[in-house]
Amino acid sequence: MSFYGRTVDLKDDPNLIEAYKEYHRNVWPEVEEQLRKLGVTKMRIFLLGRHLFMYMEAPDTFDPDAFDVQWLEEPRCVAWEEIMEHYFAPLPEARPGEWWLAMEPIYDFTTSPGVSPR
């Protein structure tokens, strides 16, 4: 099992942040089905102020670059992303049109065998 961290900021607007949270209290079934289909076994999103951190787990065979392409093969995921992008503020490290940026794992403590960073 491998894990991944990604980050993005939200726009600095409390109403937009609350709306973003509301969407994630009611994620569309097609979005979650596509995550499962592509091999994501666990996803968590954390919020601090307007900073988001996403944690994902997937099998060792998971290819995050392929995921980014295959994710958008589901029309409802395309629609979901178009809505979510309304809430995002790009990070200084982002290229134009880039939102969730991969984070480098630099420390791993685990008591579970078979979990490795990617």
PDB file of N, CA and C in Angstrom:
ATOM      1  N   MET A   1       0.848  -1.172   0.000  1.00  0.00           N
ATOM      2  CA  MET A   1       0.000   0.000   0.000  1.00  0.00           C
ATOM      3  C   MET A   1       0.893   1.234   0.000  1.00  0.00           C
ATOM      4  N   SER A   2       0.534   2.219  -0.807  1.00  0.00           N
ATOM      5  CA  SER A   2       1.279   3.477  -0.888  1.00  0.00           C
ATOM      6  C   SER A   2       0.374   4.629  -0.481  1.00  0.00           C
ATOM      7  N   PHE A   3       0.988   5.738  -0.120  1.00  0.00           N
ATOM      8  CA  PHE A   3       0.199   6.910   0.242  1.00  0.00           C
ATOM      9  C   PHE A   3       0.746   8.137  -0.463  1.00  0.00           C
ATOM     10  N   TYR A   4      -0.133   9.137  -0.587  1.00  0.00           N
ATOM     11  CA  TYR A   4       0.174  10.351  -1.347  1.00  0.00           C
ATOM     12  C   TYR A   4      -0.392  11.548  -0.601  1.00  0.00           C
ATOM     13  N   GLY A   5       0.312  12.667  -0.654  1.00  0.00           N
ATOM     14  CA  GLY A   5      -0.166  13.921  -0.102  1.00  0.00           C
ATOM     15  C   GLY A   5      -0.204  14.968  -1.194  1.00  0.00           C
ATOM     16  N   ARG A   6      -1.279  15.716  -1.225  1.00  0.00           N
ATOM     17  CA  ARG A   6      -1.413  16.821  -2.172  1.00  0.00           C
ATOM     18  C   ARG A   6      -1.966  18.029  -1.424  1.00  0.00           C
ATOM     19  N   THR A   7      -1.703  19.210  -1.964  1.00  0.00           N
ATOM     20  CA  THR A   7      -2.145  20.426  -1.294  1.00  0.00           C
ATOM     21  C   THR A   7      -2.587  21.478  -2.300  1.00  0.00           C
ATOM     22  N   VAL A   8      -3.487  22.328  -1.859  1.00  0.00           N
ATOM     23  CA  VAL A   8      -3.954  23.490  -2.607  1.00  0.00           C
ATOM     24  C   VAL A   8      -4.549  24.451  -1.584  1.00  0.00           C
ATOM     25  N   ASP A   9      -4.660  25.699  -1.945  1.00  0.00           N
ATOM     26  CA  ASP A   9      -5.327  26.675  -1.091  1.00  0.00           C
ATOM     27  C   ASP A   9      -6.719  26.963  -1.629  1.00  0.00           C
ATOM     28  N   LEU A  10      -7.586  27.377  -0.725  1.00  0.00           N
ATOM     29  CA  LEU A  10      -8.887  27.892  -1.115  1.00  0.00           C
ATOM     30  C   LEU A  10      -8.806  29.406  -1.177  1.00  0.00           C
ATOM     31  N   LYS A  11      -9.708  30.005  -1.917  1.00  0.00           N
ATOM     32  CA  LYS A  11      -9.787  31.468  -1.934  1.00  0.00           C
ATOM     33  C   LYS A  11     -10.107  31.951  -0.526  1.00  0.00           C
ATOM     34  N   ASP A  12      -9.608  33.121  -0.200  1.00  0.00           N
ATOM     35  CA  ASP A  12      -9.760  33.666   1.147  1.00  0.00           C
ATOM     36  C   ASP A  12     -11.124  34.325   1.300  1.00  0.00           C
ATOM     37  N   ASP A  13     -12.154  33.477   1.371  1.00  0.00           N
ATOM     38  CA  ASP A  13     -13.530  33.947   1.484  1.00  0.00           C
ATOM     39  C   ASP A  13     -14.286  32.933   2.344  1.00  0.00           C
ATOM     40  N   PRO A  14     -14.686  33.312   3.559  1.00  0.00           N
ATOM     41  CA  PRO A  14     -15.350  32.362   4.456  1.00  0.00           C
ATOM     42  C   PRO A  14     -16.594  31.706   3.848  1.00  0.00           C
ATOM     43  N   ASN A  15     -17.342  32.440   3.036  1.00  0.00           N
ATOM     44  CA  ASN A  15     -18.530  31.853   2.410  1.00  0.00           C
ATOM     45  C   ASN A  15     -18.155  30.772   1.398  1.00  0.00           C
ATOM     46  N   LEU A  16     -17.112  31.028   0.614  1.00  0.00           N
ATOM     47  CA  LEU A  16     -16.649  30.025  -0.344  1.00  0.00           C
ATOM     48  C   LEU A  16     -16.091  28.804   0.382  1.00  0.00           C
ATOM     49  N   ILE A  17     -15.360  29.025   1.453  1.00  0.00           N
ATOM     50  CA  ILE A  17     -14.800  27.908   2.216  1.00  0.00           C
ATOM     51  C   ILE A  17     -15.926  27.050   2.780  1.00  0.00           C
ATOM     52  N   GLU A  18     -16.951  27.670   3.294  1.00  0.00           N
ATOM     53  CA  GLU A  18     -18.089  26.911   3.837  1.00  0.00           C
ATOM     54  C   GLU A  18     -18.805  26.143   2.720  1.00  0.00           C
ATOM     55  N   ALA A  19     -18.954  26.761   1.563  1.00  0.00           N
ATOM     56  CA  ALA A  19     -19.593  26.067   0.435  1.00  0.00           C
ATOM     57  C   ALA A  19     -18.757  24.867   0.001  1.00  0.00           C
ATOM     58  N   TYR A  20     -17.434  25.011  -0.024  1.00  0.00           N
ATOM     59  CA  TYR A  20     -16.542  23.902  -0.372  1.00  0.00           C
ATOM     60  C   TYR A  20     -16.733  22.750   0.619  1.00  0.00           C
ATOM     61  N   LYS A  21     -16.792  23.074   1.899  1.00  0.00           N
ATOM     62  CA  LYS A  21     -17.005  22.054   2.919  1.00  0.00           C
ATOM     63  C   LYS A  21     -18.358  21.366   2.726  1.00  0.00           C
ATOM     64  N   GLU A  22     -19.365  22.125   2.373  1.00  0.00           N
ATOM     65  CA  GLU A  22     -20.697  21.553   2.160  1.00  0.00           C
ATOM     66  C   GLU A  22     -20.686  20.570   0.991  1.00  0.00           C
ATOM     67  N   TYR A  23     -20.018  20.904  -0.088  1.00  0.00           N
ATOM     68  CA  TYR A  23     -19.891  19.957  -1.199  1.00  0.00           C
ATOM     69  C   TYR A  23     -19.291  18.634  -0.714  1.00  0.00           C
ATOM     70  N   HIS A  24     -18.316  18.710   0.165  1.00  0.00           N
ATOM     71  CA  HIS A  24     -17.636  17.498   0.616  1.00  0.00           C
ATOM     72  C   HIS A  24     -18.423  16.749   1.693  1.00  0.00           C
ATOM     73  N   ARG A  25     -19.441  17.354   2.232  1.00  0.00           N
ATOM     74  CA  ARG A  25     -20.370  16.615   3.095  1.00  0.00           C
ATOM     75  C   ARG A  25     -21.358  15.816   2.246  1.00  0.00           C
ATOM     76  N   ASN A  26     -21.435  16.151   0.957  1.00  0.00           N
ATOM     77  CA  ASN A  26     -22.396  15.524   0.042  1.00  0.00           C
ATOM     78  C   ASN A  26     -21.727  15.196  -1.296  1.00  0.00           C
ATOM     79  N   VAL A  27     -20.628  14.470  -1.244  1.00  0.00           N
ATOM     80  CA  VAL A  27     -19.895  14.140  -2.470  1.00  0.00           C
ATOM     81  C   VAL A  27     -20.778  13.293  -3.386  1.00  0.00           C
ATOM     82  N   TRP A  28     -20.712  13.604  -4.663  1.00  0.00           N
ATOM     83  CA  TRP A  28     -21.526  12.875  -5.642  1.00  0.00           C
ATOM     84  C   TRP A  28     -21.097  11.414  -5.693  1.00  0.00           C
ATOM     85  N   PRO A  29     -22.054  10.500  -5.803  1.00  0.00           N
ATOM     86  CA  PRO A  29     -21.715   9.064  -5.856  1.00  0.00           C
ATOM     87  C   PRO A  29     -20.772   8.707  -7.003  1.00  0.00           C
ATOM     88  N   GLU A  30     -20.909   9.356  -8.147  1.00  0.00           N
ATOM     89  CA  GLU A  30     -20.040   9.056  -9.293  1.00  0.00           C
ATOM     90  C   GLU A  30     -18.589   9.418  -9.005  1.00  0.00           C
ATOM     91  N   VAL A  31     -18.383  10.445  -8.211  1.00  0.00           N
ATOM     92  CA  VAL A  31     -17.035  10.866  -7.835  1.00  0.00           C
ATOM     93  C   VAL A  31     -16.383   9.786  -6.970  1.00  0.00           C
ATOM     94  N   GLU A  32     -17.111   9.320  -5.966  1.00  0.00           N
ATOM     95  CA  GLU A  32     -16.559   8.286  -5.101  1.00  0.00           C
ATOM     96  C   GLU A  32     -16.393   6.962  -5.847  1.00  0.00           C
ATOM     97  N   GLU A  33     -17.295   6.652  -6.750  1.00  0.00           N
ATOM     98  CA  GLU A  33     -17.168   5.424  -7.535  1.00  0.00           C
ATOM     99  C   GLU A  33     -15.922   5.473  -8.419  1.00  0.00           C
ATOM    100  N   GLN A  34     -15.638   6.629  -9.012  1.00  0.00           N
ATOM    101  CA  GLN A  34     -14.444   6.757  -9.848  1.00  0.00           C
ATOM    102  C   GLN A  34     -13.172   6.612  -9.012  1.00  0.00           C
ATOM    103  N   LEU A  35     -13.176   7.158  -7.806  1.00  0.00           N
ATOM    104  CA  LEU A  35     -12.029   6.977  -6.913  1.00  0.00           C
ATOM    105  C   LEU A  35     -11.782   5.491  -6.671  1.00  0.00           C
ATOM    106  N   ARG A  36     -12.856   4.753  -6.331  1.00  0.00           N
ATOM    107  CA  ARG A  36     -12.728   3.312  -6.102  1.00  0.00           C
ATOM    108  C   ARG A  36     -12.236   2.599  -7.353  1.00  0.00           C
ATOM    109  N   LYS A  37     -12.846   2.933  -8.485  1.00  0.00           N
ATOM    110  CA  LYS A  37     -12.504   2.292  -9.758  1.00  0.00           C
ATOM    111  C   LYS A  37     -11.020   2.464 -10.087  1.00  0.00           C
ATOM    112  N   LEU A  38     -10.467   3.622  -9.768  1.00  0.00           N
ATOM    113  CA  LEU A  38      -9.074   3.917 -10.099  1.00  0.00           C
ATOM    114  C   LEU A  38      -8.090   3.438  -9.037  1.00  0.00           C
ATOM    115  N   GLY A  39      -8.601   2.824  -7.959  1.00  0.00           N
ATOM    116  CA  GLY A  39      -7.728   2.191  -6.984  1.00  0.00           C
ATOM    117  C   GLY A  39      -7.501   2.942  -5.691  1.00  0.00           C
ATOM    118  N   VAL A  40      -8.113   4.091  -5.503  1.00  0.00           N
ATOM    119  CA  VAL A  40      -7.953   4.818  -4.242  1.00  0.00           C
ATOM    120  C   VAL A  40      -8.722   4.055  -3.167  1.00  0.00           C
ATOM    121  N   THR A  41      -8.024   3.677  -2.109  1.00  0.00           N
ATOM    122  CA  THR A  41      -8.670   2.937  -1.032  1.00  0.00           C
ATOM    123  C   THR A  41      -9.038   3.836   0.147  1.00  0.00           C
ATOM    124  N   LYS A  42      -8.387   4.978   0.241  1.00  0.00           N
ATOM    125  CA  LYS A  42      -8.691   5.913   1.322  1.00  0.00           C
ATOM    126  C   LYS A  42      -8.326   7.310   0.851  1.00  0.00           C
ATOM    127  N   MET A  43      -9.182   8.267   1.154  1.00  0.00           N
ATOM    128  CA  MET A  43      -8.886   9.671   0.878  1.00  0.00           C
ATOM    129  C   MET A  43      -9.436  10.495   2.033  1.00  0.00           C
ATOM    130  N   ARG A  44      -8.605  11.392   2.492  1.00  0.00           N
ATOM    131  CA  ARG A  44      -9.017  12.337   3.520  1.00  0.00           C
ATOM    132  C   ARG A  44      -8.553  13.718   3.090  1.00  0.00           C
ATOM    133  N   ILE A  45      -9.379  14.727   3.353  1.00  0.00           N
ATOM    134  CA  ILE A  45      -8.989  16.107   3.073  1.00  0.00           C
ATOM    135  C   ILE A  45      -9.080  16.871   4.387  1.00  0.00           C
ATOM    136  N   PHE A  46      -8.007  17.579   4.709  1.00  0.00           N
ATOM    137  CA  PHE A  46      -7.919  18.362   5.936  1.00  0.00           C
ATOM    138  C   PHE A  46      -7.876  19.840   5.569  1.00  0.00           C
ATOM    139  N   LEU A  47      -8.414  20.677   6.450  1.00  0.00           N
ATOM    140  CA  LEU A  47      -8.474  22.113   6.230  1.00  0.00           C
ATOM    141  C   LEU A  47      -7.910  22.851   7.432  1.00  0.00           C
ATOM    142  N   LEU A  48      -7.044  23.814   7.169  1.00  0.00           N
ATOM    143  CA  LEU A  48      -6.553  24.740   8.187  1.00  0.00           C
ATOM    144  C   LEU A  48      -6.646  26.128   7.582  1.00  0.00           C
ATOM    145  N   GLY A  49      -7.535  26.953   8.110  1.00  0.00           N
ATOM    146  CA  GLY A  49      -7.750  28.276   7.523  1.00  0.00           C
ATOM    147  C   GLY A  49      -8.270  28.098   6.111  1.00  0.00           C
ATOM    148  N   ARG A  50      -7.422  28.377   5.139  1.00  0.00           N
ATOM    149  CA  ARG A  50      -7.811  28.149   3.742  1.00  0.00           C
ATOM    150  C   ARG A  50      -6.890  27.156   3.039  1.00  0.00           C
ATOM    151  N   HIS A  51      -6.035  26.483   3.828  1.00  0.00           N
ATOM    152  CA  HIS A  51      -5.074  25.524   3.289  1.00  0.00           C
ATOM    153  C   HIS A  51      -5.653  24.111   3.346  1.00  0.00           C
ATOM    154  N   LEU A  52      -5.654  23.429   2.209  1.00  0.00           N
ATOM    155  CA  LEU A  52      -6.150  22.062   2.139  1.00  0.00           C
ATOM    156  C   LEU A  52      -4.981  21.092   2.019  1.00  0.00           C
ATOM    157  N   PHE A  53      -5.111  19.954   2.665  1.00  0.00           N
ATOM    158  CA  PHE A  53      -4.171  18.844   2.541  1.00  0.00           C
ATOM    159  C   PHE A  53      -4.988  17.592   2.259  1.00  0.00           C
ATOM    160  N   MET A  54      -4.666  16.905   1.174  1.00  0.00           N
ATOM    161  CA  MET A  54      -5.345  15.666   0.811  1.00  0.00           C
ATOM    162  C   MET A  54      -4.388  14.503   1.037  1.00  0.00           C
ATOM    163  N   TYR A  55      -4.892  13.487   1.704  1.00  0.00           N
ATOM    164  CA  TYR A  55      -4.146  12.254   1.951  1.00  0.00           C
ATOM    165  C   TYR A  55      -4.864  11.126   1.222  1.00  0.00           C
ATOM    166  N   MET A  56      -4.119  10.364   0.415  1.00  0.00           N
ATOM    167  CA  MET A  56      -4.703   9.230  -0.309  1.00  0.00           C
ATOM    168  C   MET A  56      -3.863   7.987  -0.062  1.00  0.00           C
ATOM    169  N   GLU A  57      -4.550   6.845  -0.007  1.00  0.00           N
ATOM    170  CA  GLU A  57      -3.889   5.550   0.014  1.00  0.00           C
ATOM    171  C   GLU A  57      -4.368   4.764  -1.188  1.00  0.00           C
ATOM    172  N   ALA A  58      -3.460   3.966  -1.747  1.00  0.00           N
ATOM    173  CA  ALA A  58      -3.775   3.153  -2.915  1.00  0.00           C
ATOM    174  C   ALA A  58      -2.770   1.995  -2.971  1.00  0.00           C
ATOM    175  N   PRO A  59      -3.089   0.969  -3.763  1.00  0.00           N
ATOM    176  CA  PRO A  59      -2.134  -0.145  -3.903  1.00  0.00           C
ATOM    177  C   PRO A  59      -0.813   0.332  -4.501  1.00  0.00           C
ATOM    178  N   ASP A  60       0.228  -0.454  -4.308  1.00  0.00           N
ATOM    179  CA  ASP A  60       1.551  -0.097  -4.826  1.00  0.00           C
ATOM    180  C   ASP A  60       1.564   0.048  -6.345  1.00  0.00           C
ATOM    181  N   THR A  61       0.608  -0.552  -7.035  1.00  0.00           N
ATOM    182  CA  THR A  61       0.526  -0.462  -8.495  1.00  0.00           C
ATOM    183  C   THR A  61      -0.105   0.847  -8.966  1.00  0.00           C
ATOM    184  N   PHE A  62      -0.596   1.665  -8.043  1.00  0.00           N
ATOM    185  CA  PHE A  62      -1.261   2.928  -8.369  1.00  0.00           C
ATOM    186  C   PHE A  62      -0.277   3.878  -9.051  1.00  0.00           C
ATOM    187  N   ASP A  63      -0.730   4.498 -10.123  1.00  0.00           N
ATOM    188  CA  ASP A  63       0.074   5.473 -10.864  1.00  0.00           C
ATOM    189  C   ASP A  63      -0.611   6.836 -10.758  1.00  0.00           C
ATOM    190  N   PRO A  64      -0.083   7.761  -9.943  1.00  0.00           N
ATOM    191  CA  PRO A  64      -0.765   9.040  -9.758  1.00  0.00           C
ATOM    192  C   PRO A  64      -0.878   9.867 -11.036  1.00  0.00           C
ATOM    193  N   ASP A  65       0.076   9.734 -11.952  1.00  0.00           N
ATOM    194  CA  ASP A  65      -0.019  10.474 -13.209  1.00  0.00           C
ATOM    195  C   ASP A  65      -1.160   9.931 -14.064  1.00  0.00           C
ATOM    196  N   ALA A  66      -1.287   8.615 -14.123  1.00  0.00           N
ATOM    197  CA  ALA A  66      -2.405   8.001 -14.860  1.00  0.00           C
ATOM    198  C   ALA A  66      -3.728   8.353 -14.195  1.00  0.00           C
ATOM    199  N   PHE A  67      -3.741   8.392 -12.863  1.00  0.00           N
ATOM    200  CA  PHE A  67      -4.949   8.754 -12.128  1.00  0.00           C
ATOM    201  C   PHE A  67      -5.456  10.121 -12.562  1.00  0.00           C
ATOM    202  N   ASP A  68      -4.549  11.090 -12.666  1.00  0.00           N
ATOM    203  CA  ASP A  68      -4.944  12.451 -13.023  1.00  0.00           C
ATOM    204  C   ASP A  68      -5.633  12.502 -14.384  1.00  0.00           C
ATOM    205  N   VAL A  69      -5.235  11.624 -15.302  1.00  0.00           N
ATOM    206  CA  VAL A  69      -5.845  11.563 -16.633  1.00  0.00           C
ATOM    207  C   VAL A  69      -7.147  10.767 -16.585  1.00  0.00           C
ATOM    208  N   GLN A  70      -7.094   9.578 -15.982  1.00  0.00           N
ATOM    209  CA  GLN A  70      -8.256   8.689 -15.959  1.00  0.00           C
ATOM    210  C   GLN A  70      -9.399   9.253 -15.126  1.00  0.00           C
ATOM    211  N   TRP A  71      -9.073  10.035 -14.129  1.00  0.00           N
ATOM    212  CA  TRP A  71     -10.084  10.682 -13.285  1.00  0.00           C
ATOM    213  C   TRP A  71     -11.074  11.463 -14.146  1.00  0.00           C
ATOM    214  N   LEU A  72     -10.558  12.129 -15.162  1.00  0.00           N
ATOM    215  CA  LEU A  72     -11.388  12.995 -16.006  1.00  0.00           C
ATOM    216  C   LEU A  72     -12.066  12.244 -17.145  1.00  0.00           C
ATOM    217  N   GLU A  73     -11.989  10.921 -17.152  1.00  0.00           N
ATOM    218  CA  GLU A  73     -12.737  10.133 -18.123  1.00  0.00           C
ATOM    219  C   GLU A  73     -14.191   9.967 -17.697  1.00  0.00           C
ATOM    220  N   GLU A  74     -14.488  10.267 -16.456  1.00  0.00           N
ATOM    221  CA  GLU A  74     -15.858  10.219 -15.928  1.00  0.00           C
ATOM    222  C   GLU A  74     -16.454  11.630 -16.030  1.00  0.00           C
ATOM    223  N   PRO A  75     -17.521  11.809 -16.812  1.00  0.00           N
ATOM    224  CA  PRO A  75     -18.092  13.155 -16.998  1.00  0.00           C
ATOM    225  C   PRO A  75     -18.487  13.863 -15.702  1.00  0.00           C
ATOM    226  N   ARG A  76     -18.979  13.116 -14.720  1.00  0.00           N
ATOM    227  CA  ARG A  76     -19.361  13.766 -13.457  1.00  0.00           C
ATOM    228  C   ARG A  76     -18.126  14.254 -12.698  1.00  0.00           C
ATOM    229  N   CYS A  77     -16.982  13.604 -12.887  1.00  0.00           N
ATOM    230  CA  CYS A  77     -15.746  14.076 -12.259  1.00  0.00           C
ATOM    231  C   CYS A  77     -15.265  15.353 -12.932  1.00  0.00           C
ATOM    232  N   VAL A  78     -15.464  15.446 -14.235  1.00  0.00           N
ATOM    233  CA  VAL A  78     -15.139  16.686 -14.948  1.00  0.00           C
ATOM    234  C   VAL A  78     -16.004  17.823 -14.396  1.00  0.00           C
ATOM    235  N   ALA A  79     -17.300  17.571 -14.250  1.00  0.00           N
ATOM    236  CA  ALA A  79     -18.210  18.588 -13.708  1.00  0.00           C
ATOM    237  C   ALA A  79     -17.825  18.956 -12.275  1.00  0.00           C
ATOM    238  N   TRP A  80     -17.472  17.948 -11.470  1.00  0.00           N
ATOM    239  CA  TRP A  80     -17.046  18.181 -10.082  1.00  0.00           C
ATOM    240  C   TRP A  80     -15.816  19.089 -10.062  1.00  0.00           C
ATOM    241  N   GLU A  81     -14.825  18.782 -10.890  1.00  0.00           N
ATOM    242  CA  GLU A  81     -13.598  19.582 -10.928  1.00  0.00           C
ATOM    243  C   GLU A  81     -13.872  21.011 -11.370  1.00  0.00           C
ATOM    244  N   GLU A  82     -14.761  21.184 -12.329  1.00  0.00           N
ATOM    245  CA  GLU A  82     -15.096  22.546 -12.777  1.00  0.00           C
ATOM    246  C   GLU A  82     -15.702  23.356 -11.642  1.00  0.00           C
ATOM    247  N   ILE A  83     -16.507  22.719 -10.806  1.00  0.00           N
ATOM    248  CA  ILE A  83     -17.093  23.412  -9.649  1.00  0.00           C
ATOM    249  C   ILE A  83     -16.009  23.693  -8.613  1.00  0.00           C
ATOM    250  N   MET A  84     -15.195  22.685  -8.298  1.00  0.00           N
ATOM    251  CA  MET A  84     -14.173  22.833  -7.255  1.00  0.00           C
ATOM    252  C   MET A  84     -13.156  23.911  -7.608  1.00  0.00           C
ATOM    253  N   GLU A  85     -12.796  24.024  -8.881  1.00  0.00           N
ATOM    254  CA  GLU A  85     -11.808  25.023  -9.285  1.00  0.00           C
ATOM    255  C   GLU A  85     -12.264  26.444  -8.964  1.00  0.00           C
ATOM    256  N   HIS A  86     -13.556  26.653  -8.853  1.00  0.00           N
ATOM    257  CA  HIS A  86     -14.102  27.965  -8.482  1.00  0.00           C
ATOM    258  C   HIS A  86     -13.637  28.370  -7.073  1.00  0.00           C
ATOM    259  N   TYR A  87     -13.348  27.384  -6.238  1.00  0.00           N
ATOM    260  CA  TYR A  87     -12.978  27.641  -4.846  1.00  0.00           C
ATOM    261  C   TYR A  87     -11.470  27.734  -4.632  1.00  0.00           C
ATOM    262  N   PHE A  88     -10.684  27.234  -5.573  1.00  0.00           N
ATOM    263  CA  PHE A  88      -9.240  27.124  -5.385  1.00  0.00           C
ATOM    264  C   PHE A  88      -8.500  28.424  -5.675  1.00  0.00           C
ATOM    265  N   ALA A  89      -7.417  28.616  -4.930  1.00  0.00           N
ATOM    266  CA  ALA A  89      -6.447  29.677  -5.189  1.00  0.00           C
ATOM    267  C   ALA A  89      -5.123  28.966  -5.457  1.00  0.00           C
ATOM    268  N   PRO A  90      -4.519  29.172  -6.614  1.00  0.00           N
ATOM    269  CA  PRO A  90      -3.301  28.417  -6.925  1.00  0.00           C
ATOM    270  C   PRO A  90      -2.160  28.739  -5.972  1.00  0.00           C
ATOM    271  N   LEU A  91      -1.374  27.731  -5.695  1.00  0.00           N
ATOM    272  CA  LEU A  91      -0.173  27.915  -4.879  1.00  0.00           C
ATOM    273  C   LEU A  91       0.916  28.594  -5.707  1.00  0.00           C
ATOM    274  N   PRO A  92       1.849  29.290  -5.070  1.00  0.00           N
ATOM    275  CA  PRO A  92       2.920  29.956  -5.828  1.00  0.00           C
ATOM    276  C   PRO A  92       3.715  28.982  -6.697  1.00  0.00           C
ATOM    277  N   GLU A  93       3.806  27.710  -6.287  1.00  0.00           N
ATOM    278  CA  GLU A  93       4.578  26.718  -7.035  1.00  0.00           C
ATOM    279  C   GLU A  93       3.819  26.146  -8.236  1.00  0.00           C
ATOM    280  N   ALA A  94       2.543  26.470  -8.355  1.00  0.00           N
ATOM    281  CA  ALA A  94       1.698  25.879  -9.401  1.00  0.00           C
ATOM    282  C   ALA A  94       1.962  26.494 -10.771  1.00  0.00           C
ATOM    283  N   ARG A  95       1.864  25.631 -11.779  1.00  0.00           N
ATOM    284  CA  ARG A  95       1.885  26.106 -13.165  1.00  0.00           C
ATOM    285  C   ARG A  95       0.471  26.571 -13.508  1.00  0.00           C
ATOM    286  N   PRO A  96       0.283  27.340 -14.567  1.00  0.00           N
ATOM    287  CA  PRO A  96      -1.070  27.786 -14.944  1.00  0.00           C
ATOM    288  C   PRO A  96      -2.019  26.602 -15.105  1.00  0.00           C
ATOM    289  N   GLY A  97      -3.185  26.706 -14.474  1.00  0.00           N
ATOM    290  CA  GLY A  97      -4.191  25.659 -14.554  1.00  0.00           C
ATOM    291  C   GLY A  97      -3.955  24.484 -13.628  1.00  0.00           C
ATOM    292  N   GLU A  98      -2.910  24.512 -12.831  1.00  0.00           N
ATOM    293  CA  GLU A  98      -2.580  23.411 -11.922  1.00  0.00           C
ATOM    294  C   GLU A  98      -3.113  23.741 -10.531  1.00  0.00           C
ATOM    295  N   TRP A  99      -3.775  22.770  -9.911  1.00  0.00           N
ATOM    296  CA  TRP A  99      -4.383  23.005  -8.603  1.00  0.00           C
ATOM    297  C   TRP A  99      -3.731  22.165  -7.526  1.00  0.00           C
ATOM    298  N   TRP A 100      -4.190  20.932  -7.357  1.00  0.00           N
ATOM    299  CA  TRP A 100      -3.637  20.067  -6.311  1.00  0.00           C
ATOM    300  C   TRP A 100      -2.197  19.710  -6.654  1.00  0.00           C
ATOM    301  N   LEU A 101      -1.256  20.084  -5.801  1.00  0.00           N
ATOM    302  CA  LEU A 101       0.154  19.792  -6.038  1.00  0.00           C
ATOM    303  C   LEU A 101       0.604  18.629  -5.161  1.00  0.00           C
ATOM    304  N   ALA A 102       1.378  17.729  -5.755  1.00  0.00           N
ATOM    305  CA  ALA A 102       1.919  16.601  -5.012  1.00  0.00           C
ATOM    306  C   ALA A 102       2.928  17.099  -3.982  1.00  0.00           C
ATOM    307  N   MET A 103       2.891  16.490  -2.826  1.00  0.00           N
ATOM    308  CA  MET A 103       3.818  16.821  -1.757  1.00  0.00           C
ATOM    309  C   MET A 103       4.829  15.689  -1.612  1.00  0.00           C
ATOM    310  N   GLU A 104       6.041  16.032  -1.265  1.00  0.00           N
ATOM    311  CA  GLU A 104       7.099  15.043  -1.065  1.00  0.00           C
ATOM    312  C   GLU A 104       6.999  14.469   0.346  1.00  0.00           C
ATOM    313  N   PRO A 105       6.873  13.146   0.462  1.00  0.00           N
ATOM    314  CA  PRO A 105       6.874  12.569   1.813  1.00  0.00           C
ATOM    315  C   PRO A 105       8.293  12.625   2.386  1.00  0.00           C
ATOM    316  N   ILE A 106       8.441  13.177   3.572  1.00  0.00           N
ATOM    317  CA  ILE A 106       9.785  13.300   4.148  1.00  0.00           C
ATOM    318  C   ILE A 106       9.931  12.546   5.469  1.00  0.00           C
ATOM    319  N   TYR A 107       8.824  12.060   6.031  1.00  0.00           N
ATOM    320  CA  TYR A 107       8.893  11.281   7.268  1.00  0.00           C
ATOM    321  C   TYR A 107       7.718  10.333   7.292  1.00  0.00           C
ATOM    322  N   ASP A 108       7.989   9.120   7.752  1.00  0.00           N
ATOM    323  CA  ASP A 108       6.935   8.114   7.826  1.00  0.00           C
ATOM    324  C   ASP A 108       7.098   7.316   9.111  1.00  0.00           C
ATOM    325  N   PHE A 109       6.113   7.390   9.966  1.00  0.00           N
ATOM    326  CA  PHE A 109       6.052   6.518  11.136  1.00  0.00           C
ATOM    327  C   PHE A 109       4.810   5.669  10.970  1.00  0.00           C
ATOM    328  N   THR A 110       5.007   4.381  11.023  1.00  0.00           N
ATOM    329  CA  THR A 110       3.851   3.494  10.916  1.00  0.00           C
ATOM    330  C   THR A 110       4.098   2.241  11.735  1.00  0.00           C
ATOM    331  N   THR A 111       3.042   1.702  12.271  1.00  0.00           N
ATOM    332  CA  THR A 111       3.123   0.423  12.961  1.00  0.00           C
ATOM    333  C   THR A 111       2.470  -0.666  12.121  1.00  0.00           C
ATOM    334  N   SER A 112       1.970  -0.271  10.920  1.00  0.00           N
ATOM    335  CA  SER A 112       1.331  -1.223  10.033  1.00  0.00           C
ATOM    336  C   SER A 112       2.335  -1.711   9.004  1.00  0.00           C
ATOM    337  N   PRO A 113       2.543  -3.015   8.903  1.00  0.00           N
ATOM    338  CA  PRO A 113       3.459  -3.515   7.867  1.00  0.00           C
ATOM    339  C   PRO A 113       2.859  -3.312   6.474  1.00  0.00           C
ATOM    340  N   GLY A 114       3.718  -3.097   5.502  1.00  0.00           N
ATOM    341  CA  GLY A 114       3.270  -3.013   4.121  1.00  0.00           C
ATOM    342  C   GLY A 114       2.796  -1.643   3.667  1.00  0.00           C
ATOM    343  N   VAL A 115       2.945  -0.603   4.460  1.00  0.00           N
ATOM    344  CA  VAL A 115       2.558   0.740   4.052  1.00  0.00           C
ATOM    345  C   VAL A 115       3.833   1.515   3.751  1.00  0.00           C
ATOM    346  N   SER A 116       3.967   1.994   2.522  1.00  0.00           N
ATOM    347  CA  SER A 116       5.197   2.699   2.139  1.00  0.00           C
ATOM    348  C   SER A 116       4.872   3.992   1.427  1.00  0.00           C
ATOM    349  N   PRO A 117       5.714   5.020   1.592  1.00  0.00           N
ATOM    350  CA  PRO A 117       5.478   6.288   0.880  1.00  0.00           C
ATOM    351  C   PRO A 117       5.816   6.159  -0.584  1.00  0.00           C
ATOM    352  N   ARG A 118       5.185   6.967  -1.410  1.00  0.00           N
ATOM    353  CA  ARG A 118       5.480   7.035  -2.841  1.00  0.00           C
ATOM    354  C   ARG A 118       5.799   8.457  -3.192  1.00  0.00           C
TER     355      ARG A 118
END
